[in-house]
Amino acid sequence: MSEIDAMKAELDGLVREQSERRVLREQRGEEIKAQSQEYMTKQVQAAERYVQHVREMAQRKTKSGWSTDRGTTEPPSAFDADAFGGEPGAGSPFAPAAEPRHAARDDAPRRARRSRAAEADDDGYDNNPW
Protein backbone atom coordinates (compact mmCIF):
# COMPACT_ATOMS: atom_id res chain seq x y z
CA MET A 1 0.00 0.00 0.00
CA SER A 2 1.35 3.30 -0.96
CA GLU A 3 1.61 6.33 1.25
CA ILE A 4 -1.26 8.04 -0.62
CA ASP A 5 -3.56 5.05 -0.09
CA ALA A 6 -2.76 5.08 3.63
CA MET A 7 -3.59 8.77 3.85
CA LYS A 8 -6.88 8.21 1.96
CA ALA A 9 -7.80 5.36 4.31
CA GLU A 10 -7.01 7.51 7.36
CA LEU A 11 -9.04 10.40 5.93
CA ASP A 12 -12.00 8.09 5.23
CA GLY A 13 -11.83 6.81 8.81
CA LEU A 14 -11.83 10.37 10.15
CA VAL A 15 -14.81 11.34 7.96
CA ARG A 16 -16.72 8.22 9.12
CA GLU A 17 -15.92 8.98 12.77
CA GLN A 18 -17.04 12.58 12.34
CA SER A 19 -20.38 11.54 10.82
CA GLU A 20 -20.95 9.00 13.61
CA ARG A 21 -20.26 11.67 16.22
CA ARG A 22 -22.67 14.03 14.45
CA VAL A 23 -25.40 11.38 14.55
CA LEU A 24 -24.76 10.72 18.24
CA ARG A 25 -24.77 14.46 18.99
CA GLU A 26 -28.10 14.90 17.17
CA GLN A 27 -29.60 11.93 19.04
CA ARG A 28 -28.44 13.34 22.37
CA GLY A 29 -29.87 16.73 21.41
CA GLU A 30 -33.25 15.14 20.66
CA GLU A 31 -33.17 13.30 24.01
CA ILE A 32 -32.39 16.51 25.86
CA LYS A 33 -35.14 18.31 23.97
CA ALA A 34 -37.66 15.59 24.89
CA GLN A 35 -36.58 15.68 28.54
CA SER A 36 -36.87 19.44 28.73
CA GLN A 37 -40.29 19.32 27.05
CA GLU A 38 -41.43 16.77 29.65
CA TYR A 39 -40.02 18.88 32.47
CA MET A 40 -41.71 22.05 31.21
CA THR A 41 -45.01 20.18 30.82
CA LYS A 42 -44.76 19.08 34.44
CA GLN A 43 -43.93 22.62 35.52
CA VAL A 44 -46.96 23.99 33.68
CA GLN A 45 -49.20 21.35 35.24
CA ALA A 46 -47.88 22.18 38.71
CA ALA A 47 -48.41 25.89 38.09
CA GLU A 48 -51.97 25.24 36.92
CA ARG A 49 -52.66 23.17 40.05
CA TYR A 50 -51.27 25.97 42.19
CA VAL A 51 -53.41 28.60 40.48
CA GLN A 52 -56.48 26.38 40.89
CA HIS A 53 -55.65 25.89 44.57
CA VAL A 54 -55.29 29.64 45.12
CA ARG A 55 -58.61 30.25 43.38
CA GLU A 56 -60.30 27.62 45.54
CA MET A 57 -58.84 29.16 48.68
CA ALA A 58 -60.08 32.59 47.61
CA GLN A 59 -63.55 31.19 46.97
CA ARG A 60 -63.61 29.49 50.36
CA LYS A 61 -62.46 32.69 51.99
CA THR A 62 -65.24 34.74 50.40
CA LYS A 63 -67.88 32.05 51.12
CA SER A 64 -66.89 31.85 54.79
CA GLY A 65 -67.33 35.58 55.25
CA TRP A 66 -63.66 36.41 55.25
CA SER A 67 -62.81 38.80 52.51
CA THR A 68 -59.59 39.90 50.97
CA ASP A 69 -60.34 43.53 51.79
CA ARG A 70 -59.97 42.72 55.52
CA GLY A 71 -63.50 43.29 56.69
CA THR A 72 -64.65 43.03 60.27
CA THR A 73 -65.17 39.24 60.14
CA GLU A 74 -61.48 38.54 59.77
CA PRO A 75 -59.45 38.10 62.95
CA PRO A 76 -56.90 40.83 63.63
CA SER A 77 -53.42 40.48 62.28
CA ALA A 78 -50.37 40.70 64.50
CA PHE A 79 -49.22 43.57 62.31
CA ASP A 80 -52.34 45.70 62.71
CA ALA A 81 -51.82 48.89 64.66
CA ASP A 82 -55.21 48.76 66.41
CA ALA A 83 -55.23 45.11 67.43
CA PHE A 84 -52.13 44.94 69.61
CA GLY A 85 -50.81 47.92 71.51
CA GLY A 86 -51.46 50.68 68.98
CA GLU A 87 -48.11 50.27 67.19
CA PRO A 88 -47.80 48.58 63.80
CA GLY A 89 -46.16 45.21 64.33
CA ALA A 90 -46.47 45.36 68.11
CA GLY A 91 -48.17 41.96 68.23
CA SER A 92 -45.56 40.31 66.05
CA PRO A 93 -43.37 37.70 67.74
CA PHE A 94 -40.46 39.40 65.99
CA ALA A 95 -41.17 42.87 67.36
CA PRO A 96 -38.63 44.11 69.91
CA ALA A 97 -39.78 43.73 73.48
CA ALA A 98 -40.70 46.88 75.38
CA GLU A 99 -38.68 45.80 78.42
CA PRO A 100 -35.68 43.50 78.63
CA ARG A 101 -36.61 39.99 79.67
CA HIS A 102 -33.94 39.80 82.38
CA ALA A 103 -33.83 43.33 83.74
CA ALA A 104 -32.13 42.23 86.99
CA ARG A 105 -29.13 40.78 85.15
CA ASP A 106 -26.05 42.97 84.85
CA ASP A 107 -25.44 43.73 81.16
CA ALA A 108 -22.15 45.61 81.63
CA PRO A 109 -19.90 42.83 80.20
CA ARG A 110 -22.13 42.58 77.14
CA ARG A 111 -21.98 46.33 76.56
CA ALA A 112 -18.19 46.22 76.86
CA ARG A 113 -17.98 43.52 74.19
CA ARG A 114 -20.20 45.56 71.90
CA SER A 115 -18.08 48.68 72.28
CA ARG A 116 -14.87 46.78 71.42
CA ALA A 117 -16.55 45.31 68.37
CA ALA A 118 -17.80 48.75 67.38
CA GLU A 119 -14.27 50.16 67.65
CA ALA A 120 -12.82 47.36 65.53
CA ASP A 121 -15.52 47.75 62.90
CA ASP A 122 -16.03 51.51 62.91
CA ASP A 123 -17.53 51.87 59.44
CA GLY A 124 -19.17 48.45 59.17
CA TYR A 125 -17.54 47.58 55.86
CA ASP A 126 -14.20 46.10 56.94
CA ASN A 127 -15.18 42.57 55.93
CA ASN A 128 -16.16 43.49 52.39
CA PRO A 129 -13.58 43.21 49.57
CA TRP A 130 -14.90 46.35 47.88
C-alpha atoms as a PDB file:
ATOM      1  CA  MET A   1       0.000   0.000   0.000  1.00  0.00           C
ATOM      2  CA  SER A   2       1.352   3.304  -0.959  1.00  0.00           C
ATOM      3  CA  GLU A   3       1.611   6.328   1.252  1.00  0.00           C
ATOM      4  CA  ILE A   4      -1.257   8.040  -0.619  1.00  0.00           C
ATOM      5  CA  ASP A   5      -3.564   5.050  -0.089  1.00  0.00           C
ATOM      6  CA  ALA A   6      -2.765   5.076   3.634  1.00  0.00           C
ATOM      7  CA  MET A   7      -3.585   8.770   3.847  1.00  0.00           C
ATOM      8  CA  LYS A   8      -6.885   8.214   1.961  1.00  0.00           C
ATOM      9  CA  ALA A   9      -7.803   5.363   4.313  1.00  0.00           C
ATOM     10  CA  GLU A  10      -7.007   7.511   7.358  1.00  0.00           C
ATOM     11  CA  LEU A  11      -9.044  10.404   5.934  1.00  0.00           C
ATOM     12  CA  ASP A  12     -12.002   8.090   5.234  1.00  0.00           C
ATOM     13  CA  GLY A  13     -11.833   6.814   8.811  1.00  0.00           C
ATOM     14  CA  LEU A  14     -11.832  10.368  10.148  1.00  0.00           C
ATOM     15  CA  VAL A  15     -14.805  11.338   7.962  1.00  0.00           C
ATOM     16  CA  ARG A  16     -16.715   8.224   9.118  1.00  0.00           C
ATOM     17  CA  GLU A  17     -15.917   8.977  12.774  1.00  0.00           C
ATOM     18  CA  GLN A  18     -17.039  12.580  12.336  1.00  0.00           C
ATOM     19  CA  SER A  19     -20.379  11.543  10.820  1.00  0.00           C
ATOM     20  CA  GLU A  20     -20.950   8.997  13.612  1.00  0.00           C
ATOM     21  CA  ARG A  21     -20.260  11.674  16.216  1.00  0.00           C
ATOM     22  CA  ARG A  22     -22.670  14.035  14.445  1.00  0.00           C
ATOM     23  CA  VAL A  23     -25.404  11.379  14.549  1.00  0.00           C
ATOM     24  CA  LEU A  24     -24.764  10.716  18.244  1.00  0.00           C
ATOM     25  CA  ARG A  25     -24.766  14.455  18.994  1.00  0.00           C
ATOM     26  CA  GLU A  26     -28.095  14.898  17.175  1.00  0.00           C
ATOM     27  CA  GLN A  27     -29.597  11.928  19.043  1.00  0.00           C
ATOM     28  CA  ARG A  28     -28.444  13.337  22.369  1.00  0.00           C
ATOM     29  CA  GLY A  29     -29.874  16.731  21.409  1.00  0.00           C
ATOM     30  CA  GLU A  30     -33.246  15.139  20.660  1.00  0.00           C
ATOM     31  CA  GLU A  31     -33.166  13.298  24.012  1.00  0.00           C
ATOM     32  CA  ILE A  32     -32.392  16.513  25.861  1.00  0.00           C
ATOM     33  CA  LYS A  33     -35.135  18.310  23.972  1.00  0.00           C
ATOM     34  CA  ALA A  34     -37.656  15.593  24.893  1.00  0.00           C
ATOM     35  CA  GLN A  35     -36.579  15.676  28.542  1.00  0.00           C
ATOM     36  CA  SER A  36     -36.866  19.444  28.726  1.00  0.00           C
ATOM     37  CA  GLN A  37     -40.292  19.318  27.052  1.00  0.00           C
ATOM     38  CA  GLU A  38     -41.427  16.769  29.646  1.00  0.00           C
ATOM     39  CA  TYR A  39     -40.020  18.877  32.471  1.00  0.00           C
ATOM     40  CA  MET A  40     -41.707  22.046  31.210  1.00  0.00           C
ATOM     41  CA  THR A  41     -45.007  20.180  30.819  1.00  0.00           C
ATOM     42  CA  LYS A  42     -44.765  19.078  34.439  1.00  0.00           C
ATOM     43  CA  GLN A  43     -43.929  22.621  35.521  1.00  0.00           C
ATOM     44  CA  VAL A  44     -46.963  23.994  33.682  1.00  0.00           C
ATOM     45  CA  GLN A  45     -49.201  21.348  35.242  1.00  0.00           C
ATOM     46  CA  ALA A  46     -47.880  22.178  38.708  1.00  0.00           C
ATOM     47  CA  ALA A  47     -48.409  25.893  38.091  1.00  0.00           C
ATOM     48  CA  GLU A  48     -51.967  25.235  36.917  1.00  0.00           C
ATOM     49  CA  ARG A  49     -52.659  23.165  40.046  1.00  0.00           C
ATOM     50  CA  TYR A  50     -51.272  25.973  42.192  1.00  0.00           C
ATOM     51  CA  VAL A  51     -53.414  28.595  40.484  1.00  0.00           C
ATOM     52  CA  GLN A  52     -56.477  26.379  40.887  1.00  0.00           C
ATOM     53  CA  HIS A  53     -55.650  25.892  44.566  1.00  0.00           C
ATOM     54  CA  VAL A  54     -55.287  29.637  45.122  1.00  0.00           C
ATOM     55  CA  ARG A  55     -58.609  30.247  43.385  1.00  0.00           C
ATOM     56  CA  GLU A  56     -60.301  27.616  45.539  1.00  0.00           C
ATOM     57  CA  MET A  57     -58.836  29.161  48.685  1.00  0.00           C
ATOM     58  CA  ALA A  58     -60.081  32.594  47.606  1.00  0.00           C
ATOM     59  CA  GLN A  59     -63.552  31.189  46.967  1.00  0.00           C
ATOM     60  CA  ARG A  60     -63.606  29.486  50.364  1.00  0.00           C
ATOM     61  CA  LYS A  61     -62.463  32.689  51.990  1.00  0.00           C
ATOM     62  CA  THR A  62     -65.240  34.740  50.401  1.00  0.00           C
ATOM     63  CA  LYS A  63     -67.875  32.050  51.123  1.00  0.00           C
ATOM     64  CA  SER A  64     -66.889  31.852  54.787  1.00  0.00           C
ATOM     65  CA  GLY A  65     -67.328  35.581  55.247  1.00  0.00           C
ATOM     66  CA  TRP A  66     -63.660  36.414  55.253  1.00  0.00           C
ATOM     67  CA  SER A  67     -62.805  38.802  52.508  1.00  0.00           C
ATOM     68  CA  THR A  68     -59.585  39.900  50.966  1.00  0.00           C
ATOM     69  CA  ASP A  69     -60.340  43.530  51.792  1.00  0.00           C
ATOM     70  CA  ARG A  70     -59.971  42.717  55.524  1.00  0.00           C
ATOM     71  CA  GLY A  71     -63.500  43.290  56.692  1.00  0.00           C
ATOM     72  CA  THR A  72     -64.654  43.029  60.269  1.00  0.00           C
ATOM     73  CA  THR A  73     -65.174  39.241  60.144  1.00  0.00           C
ATOM     74  CA  GLU A  74     -61.479  38.541  59.772  1.00  0.00           C
ATOM     75  CA  PRO A  75     -59.448  38.099  62.952  1.00  0.00           C
ATOM     76  CA  PRO A  76     -56.896  40.835  63.634  1.00  0.00           C
ATOM     77  CA  SER A  77     -53.416  40.476  62.277  1.00  0.00           C
ATOM     78  CA  ALA A  78     -50.374  40.701  64.496  1.00  0.00           C
ATOM     79  CA  PHE A  79     -49.220  43.566  62.309  1.00  0.00           C
ATOM     80  CA  ASP A  80     -52.341  45.702  62.710  1.00  0.00           C
ATOM     81  CA  ALA A  81     -51.821  48.890  64.660  1.00  0.00           C
ATOM     82  CA  ASP A  82     -55.206  48.760  66.406  1.00  0.00           C
ATOM     83  CA  ALA A  83     -55.227  45.114  67.426  1.00  0.00           C
ATOM     84  CA  PHE A  84     -52.128  44.939  69.611  1.00  0.00           C
ATOM     85  CA  GLY A  85     -50.806  47.917  71.505  1.00  0.00           C
ATOM     86  CA  GLY A  86     -51.465  50.677  68.985  1.00  0.00           C
ATOM     87  CA  GLU A  87     -48.108  50.273  67.187  1.00  0.00           C
ATOM     88  CA  PRO A  88     -47.803  48.577  63.802  1.00  0.00           C
ATOM     89  CA  GLY A  89     -46.159  45.210  64.328  1.00  0.00           C
ATOM     90  CA  ALA A  90     -46.475  45.357  68.113  1.00  0.00           C
ATOM     91  CA  GLY A  91     -48.168  41.960  68.227  1.00  0.00           C
ATOM     92  CA  SER A  92     -45.559  40.306  66.051  1.00  0.00           C
ATOM     93  CA  PRO A  93     -43.370  37.700  67.740  1.00  0.00           C
ATOM     94  CA  PHE A  94     -40.464  39.404  65.989  1.00  0.00           C
ATOM     95  CA  ALA A  95     -41.175  42.865  67.362  1.00  0.00           C
ATOM     96  CA  PRO A  96     -38.635  44.113  69.909  1.00  0.00           C
ATOM     97  CA  ALA A  97     -39.776  43.731  73.484  1.00  0.00           C
ATOM     98  CA  ALA A  98     -40.702  46.884  75.377  1.00  0.00           C
ATOM     99  CA  GLU A  99     -38.675  45.804  78.420  1.00  0.00           C
ATOM    100  CA  PRO A 100     -35.676  43.499  78.626  1.00  0.00           C
ATOM    101  CA  ARG A 101     -36.609  39.994  79.666  1.00  0.00           C
ATOM    102  CA  HIS A 102     -33.943  39.805  82.378  1.00  0.00           C
ATOM    103  CA  ALA A 103     -33.832  43.329  83.737  1.00  0.00           C
ATOM    104  CA  ALA A 104     -32.129  42.234  86.985  1.00  0.00           C
ATOM    105  CA  ARG A 105     -29.128  40.777  85.148  1.00  0.00           C
ATOM    106  CA  ASP A 106     -26.047  42.972  84.849  1.00  0.00           C
ATOM    107  CA  ASP A 107     -25.437  43.734  81.163  1.00  0.00           C
ATOM    108  CA  ALA A 108     -22.152  45.610  81.634  1.00  0.00           C
ATOM    109  CA  PRO A 109     -19.902  42.834  80.197  1.00  0.00           C
ATOM    110  CA  ARG A 110     -22.131  42.578  77.142  1.00  0.00           C
ATOM    111  CA  ARG A 111     -21.976  46.326  76.563  1.00  0.00           C
ATOM    112  CA  ALA A 112     -18.188  46.220  76.860  1.00  0.00           C
ATOM    113  CA  ARG A 113     -17.984  43.524  74.190  1.00  0.00           C
ATOM    114  CA  ARG A 114     -20.199  45.558  71.898  1.00  0.00           C
ATOM    115  CA  SER A 115     -18.083  48.677  72.279  1.00  0.00           C
ATOM    116  CA  ARG A 116     -14.873  46.776  71.422  1.00  0.00           C
ATOM    117  CA  ALA A 117     -16.550  45.312  68.366  1.00  0.00           C
ATOM    118  CA  ALA A 118     -17.799  48.746  67.376  1.00  0.00           C
ATOM    119  CA  GLU A 119     -14.267  50.160  67.647  1.00  0.00           C
ATOM    120  CA  ALA A 120     -12.818  47.359  65.526  1.00  0.00           C
ATOM    121  CA  ASP A 121     -15.520  47.754  62.898  1.00  0.00           C
ATOM    122  CA  ASP A 122     -16.026  51.506  62.914  1.00  0.00           C
ATOM    123  CA  ASP A 123     -17.526  51.875  59.445  1.00  0.00           C
ATOM    124  CA  GLY A 124     -19.172  48.450  59.173  1.00  0.00           C
ATOM    125  CA  TYR A 125     -17.542  47.578  55.860  1.00  0.00           C
ATOM    126  CA  ASP A 126     -14.198  46.102  56.943  1.00  0.00           C
ATOM    127  CA  ASN A 127     -15.182  42.568  55.930  1.00  0.00           C
ATOM    128  CA  ASN A 128     -16.161  43.489  52.386  1.00  0.00           C
ATOM    129  CA  PRO A 129     -13.581  43.208  49.567  1.00  0.00           C
ATOM    130  CA  TRP A 130     -14.901  46.349  47.878  1.00  0.00           C
END
